[in-house]
Amino acid sequence: QPPHSPEPLPNLTQIYLKENRIAHLPDPLPFPRVERFDISFNLLSLLPGGGWDSMSKLRELNVSHNRLSLLPDRLSLAPALRVLTASHNELHALPSTVGEMKAVS
């Protein structure tokens, strides 16, 4: 069971939660100004489906080295996302919306 969702953190611009054995994230994500989000080397099997559209400044997302089998379709709603690192997971397919993520490398 995920912990209580934190209150929105409007001034937070970088989140580094690498190597913390995190298994759950709040849904929706409460980080509207985050530009860099590193949640690599954790125990995530699922990413939240909500909050991506409010993360208008998110440029870099690193979810590598987790247990993810899929990425949420709504991830494509993060308009500024340029770098998505999702290696070393258990991904079977990419979201159908991946084609809409024109700026991602």
C-alpha atoms as a PDB file:
ATOM      1  CA  GLN A   1       0.000   0.000   0.000  1.00  0.00           C
ATOM      2  CA  PRO A   2       1.523   3.366  -1.016  1.00  0.00           C
ATOM      3  CA  PRO A   3       2.088   5.904   1.730  1.00  0.00           C
ATOM      4  CA  HIS A   4      -0.079   9.012   2.029  1.00  0.00           C
ATOM      5  CA  SER A   5       0.509  11.276  -0.955  1.00  0.00           C
ATOM      6  CA  PRO A   6       2.565  14.362  -0.124  1.00  0.00           C
ATOM      7  CA  GLU A   7       1.164  17.810  -0.601  1.00  0.00           C
ATOM      8  CA  PRO A   8       2.140  19.403  -3.923  1.00  0.00           C
ATOM      9  CA  LEU A   9       5.654  20.806  -3.790  1.00  0.00           C
ATOM     10  CA  PRO A  10       5.401  23.785  -6.144  1.00  0.00           C
ATOM     11  CA  ASN A  11       9.018  24.976  -5.952  1.00  0.00           C
ATOM     12  CA  LEU A  12      10.797  21.632  -6.237  1.00  0.00           C
ATOM     13  CA  THR A  13      12.725  21.490  -9.533  1.00  0.00           C
ATOM     14  CA  GLN A  14      14.967  18.430  -9.128  1.00  0.00           C
ATOM     15  CA  ILE A  15      14.244  15.094  -7.482  1.00  0.00           C
ATOM     16  CA  TYR A  16      16.946  12.478  -6.996  1.00  0.00           C
ATOM     17  CA  LEU A  17      15.629   9.347  -5.312  1.00  0.00           C
ATOM     18  CA  LYS A  18      18.143   6.904  -6.748  1.00  0.00           C
ATOM     19  CA  GLU A  19      18.823   3.662  -4.817  1.00  0.00           C
ATOM     20  CA  ASN A  20      16.177   4.009  -2.090  1.00  0.00           C
ATOM     21  CA  ARG A  21      14.208   0.756  -2.451  1.00  0.00           C
ATOM     22  CA  ILE A  22      11.096   2.766  -3.386  1.00  0.00           C
ATOM     23  CA  ALA A  23       8.240   0.550  -4.535  1.00  0.00           C
ATOM     24  CA  HIS A  24       5.422   3.130  -4.937  1.00  0.00           C
ATOM     25  CA  LEU A  25       5.020   6.736  -6.011  1.00  0.00           C
ATOM     26  CA  PRO A  26       2.031   8.988  -5.267  1.00  0.00           C
ATOM     27  CA  ASP A  27      -0.680   9.114  -7.923  1.00  0.00           C
ATOM     28  CA  PRO A  28      -1.052  11.716  -9.236  1.00  0.00           C
ATOM     29  CA  LEU A  29       2.505  12.963  -9.007  1.00  0.00           C
ATOM     30  CA  PRO A  30       2.527  16.232  -7.008  1.00  0.00           C
ATOM     31  CA  PHE A  31       5.600  17.885  -8.551  1.00  0.00           C
ATOM     32  CA  PRO A  32       4.425  20.585 -11.011  1.00  0.00           C
ATOM     33  CA  ARG A  33       7.790  22.349 -11.514  1.00  0.00           C
ATOM     34  CA  VAL A  34      10.162  19.392 -11.559  1.00  0.00           C
ATOM     35  CA  GLU A  35      12.647  19.508 -14.429  1.00  0.00           C
ATOM     36  CA  ARG A  36      14.747  16.436 -13.549  1.00  0.00           C
ATOM     37  CA  PHE A  37      13.342  13.334 -11.878  1.00  0.00           C
ATOM     38  CA  ASP A  38      15.662  10.399 -11.152  1.00  0.00           C
ATOM     39  CA  ILE A  39      13.961   7.408  -9.555  1.00  0.00           C
ATOM     40  CA  SER A  40      16.426   4.835 -10.904  1.00  0.00           C
ATOM     41  CA  PHE A  41      17.669   1.739  -9.075  1.00  0.00           C
ATOM     42  CA  ASN A  42      14.497   1.238  -7.040  1.00  0.00           C
ATOM     43  CA  LEU A  43      11.754  -1.376  -6.806  1.00  0.00           C
ATOM     44  CA  LEU A  44       9.047   0.248  -8.929  1.00  0.00           C
ATOM     45  CA  SER A  45       6.824  -2.139 -10.855  1.00  0.00           C
ATOM     46  CA  LEU A  46       4.374   0.590 -11.870  1.00  0.00           C
ATOM     47  CA  LEU A  47       4.552   4.317 -12.565  1.00  0.00           C
ATOM     48  CA  PRO A  48       1.626   6.571 -11.652  1.00  0.00           C
ATOM     49  CA  GLY A  49      -0.877   7.209 -14.398  1.00  0.00           C
ATOM     50  CA  GLY A  50      -1.734  10.736 -13.267  1.00  0.00           C
ATOM     51  CA  GLY A  51       0.064  14.025 -12.912  1.00  0.00           C
ATOM     52  CA  TRP A  52       2.201  13.919 -16.040  1.00  0.00           C
ATOM     53  CA  ASP A  53       0.182  16.652 -17.753  1.00  0.00           C
ATOM     54  CA  SER A  54       0.784  19.018 -14.817  1.00  0.00           C
ATOM     55  CA  MET A  55       4.558  18.392 -14.980  1.00  0.00           C
ATOM     56  CA  SER A  56       4.982  20.972 -17.733  1.00  0.00           C
ATOM     57  CA  LYS A  57       8.687  21.548 -17.031  1.00  0.00           C
ATOM     58  CA  LEU A  58       9.829  17.903 -16.803  1.00  0.00           C
ATOM     59  CA  ARG A  59      12.759  17.527 -19.221  1.00  0.00           C
ATOM     60  CA  GLU A  60      14.566  14.434 -17.920  1.00  0.00           C
ATOM     61  CA  LEU A  61      13.068  11.289 -16.418  1.00  0.00           C
ATOM     62  CA  ASN A  62      15.239   8.356 -15.351  1.00  0.00           C
ATOM     63  CA  VAL A  63      13.327   5.214 -14.338  1.00  0.00           C
ATOM     64  CA  SER A  64      16.075   2.759 -15.257  1.00  0.00           C
ATOM     65  CA  HIS A  65      16.929  -0.290 -13.143  1.00  0.00           C
ATOM     66  CA  ASN A  66      13.460  -0.878 -11.720  1.00  0.00           C
ATOM     67  CA  ARG A  67      10.874  -3.620 -12.291  1.00  0.00           C
ATOM     68  CA  LEU A  68       8.653  -1.783 -14.738  1.00  0.00           C
ATOM     69  CA  SER A  69       6.776  -3.907 -17.259  1.00  0.00           C
ATOM     70  CA  LEU A  70       5.084  -0.924 -18.926  1.00  0.00           C
ATOM     71  CA  LEU A  71       5.156   2.848 -19.053  1.00  0.00           C
ATOM     72  CA  PRO A  72       1.936   4.831 -18.607  1.00  0.00           C
ATOM     73  CA  ASP A  73       0.261   6.116 -21.782  1.00  0.00           C
ATOM     74  CA  ARG A  74      -0.232   9.483 -20.085  1.00  0.00           C
ATOM     75  CA  LEU A  75       3.554   9.962 -19.873  1.00  0.00           C
ATOM     76  CA  SER A  76       3.259  11.496 -23.348  1.00  0.00           C
ATOM     77  CA  LEU A  77       1.368  14.395 -21.731  1.00  0.00           C
ATOM     78  CA  ALA A  78       4.606  15.750 -20.189  1.00  0.00           C
ATOM     79  CA  PRO A  79       5.170  18.361 -22.925  1.00  0.00           C
ATOM     80  CA  ALA A  80       8.789  19.300 -22.160  1.00  0.00           C
ATOM     81  CA  LEU A  81      10.118  15.745 -21.733  1.00  0.00           C
ATOM     82  CA  ARG A  82      13.335  15.413 -23.768  1.00  0.00           C
ATOM     83  CA  VAL A  83      15.216  12.513 -22.158  1.00  0.00           C
ATOM     84  CA  LEU A  84      13.547   9.316 -20.977  1.00  0.00           C
ATOM     85  CA  THR A  85      15.831   6.604 -19.611  1.00  0.00           C
ATOM     86  CA  ALA A  86      14.008   3.334 -18.972  1.00  0.00           C
ATOM     87  CA  SER A  87      16.696   0.720 -19.549  1.00  0.00           C
ATOM     88  CA  HIS A  88      17.134  -2.368 -17.365  1.00  0.00           C
ATOM     89  CA  ASN A  89      13.452  -2.895 -16.659  1.00  0.00           C
ATOM     90  CA  GLU A  90      11.053  -5.647 -17.707  1.00  0.00           C
ATOM     91  CA  LEU A  91       9.375  -3.633 -20.455  1.00  0.00           C
ATOM     92  CA  HIS A  92       7.426  -5.753 -22.927  1.00  0.00           C
ATOM     93  CA  ALA A  93       6.188  -2.904 -25.101  1.00  0.00           C
ATOM     94  CA  LEU A  94       6.174   0.869 -25.310  1.00  0.00           C
ATOM     95  CA  PRO A  95       2.999   2.895 -24.801  1.00  0.00           C
ATOM     96  CA  SER A  96       0.846   3.417 -27.870  1.00  0.00           C
ATOM     97  CA  THR A  97       1.348   7.152 -27.347  1.00  0.00           C
ATOM     98  CA  VAL A  98       5.143   6.983 -27.692  1.00  0.00           C
ATOM     99  CA  GLY A  99       4.843   8.388 -31.219  1.00  0.00           C
ATOM    100  CA  GLU A 100       3.387  11.575 -29.764  1.00  0.00           C
ATOM    101  CA  MET A 101       6.582  12.132 -27.745  1.00  0.00           C
ATOM    102  CA  LYS A 102       8.407  13.827 -30.599  1.00  0.00           C
ATOM    103  CA  ALA A 103      11.101  15.504 -28.511  1.00  0.00           C
ATOM    104  CA  VAL A 104      12.169  12.428 -26.543  1.00  0.00           C
ATOM    105  CA  SER A 105      15.540  10.919 -27.340  1.00  0.00           C
END
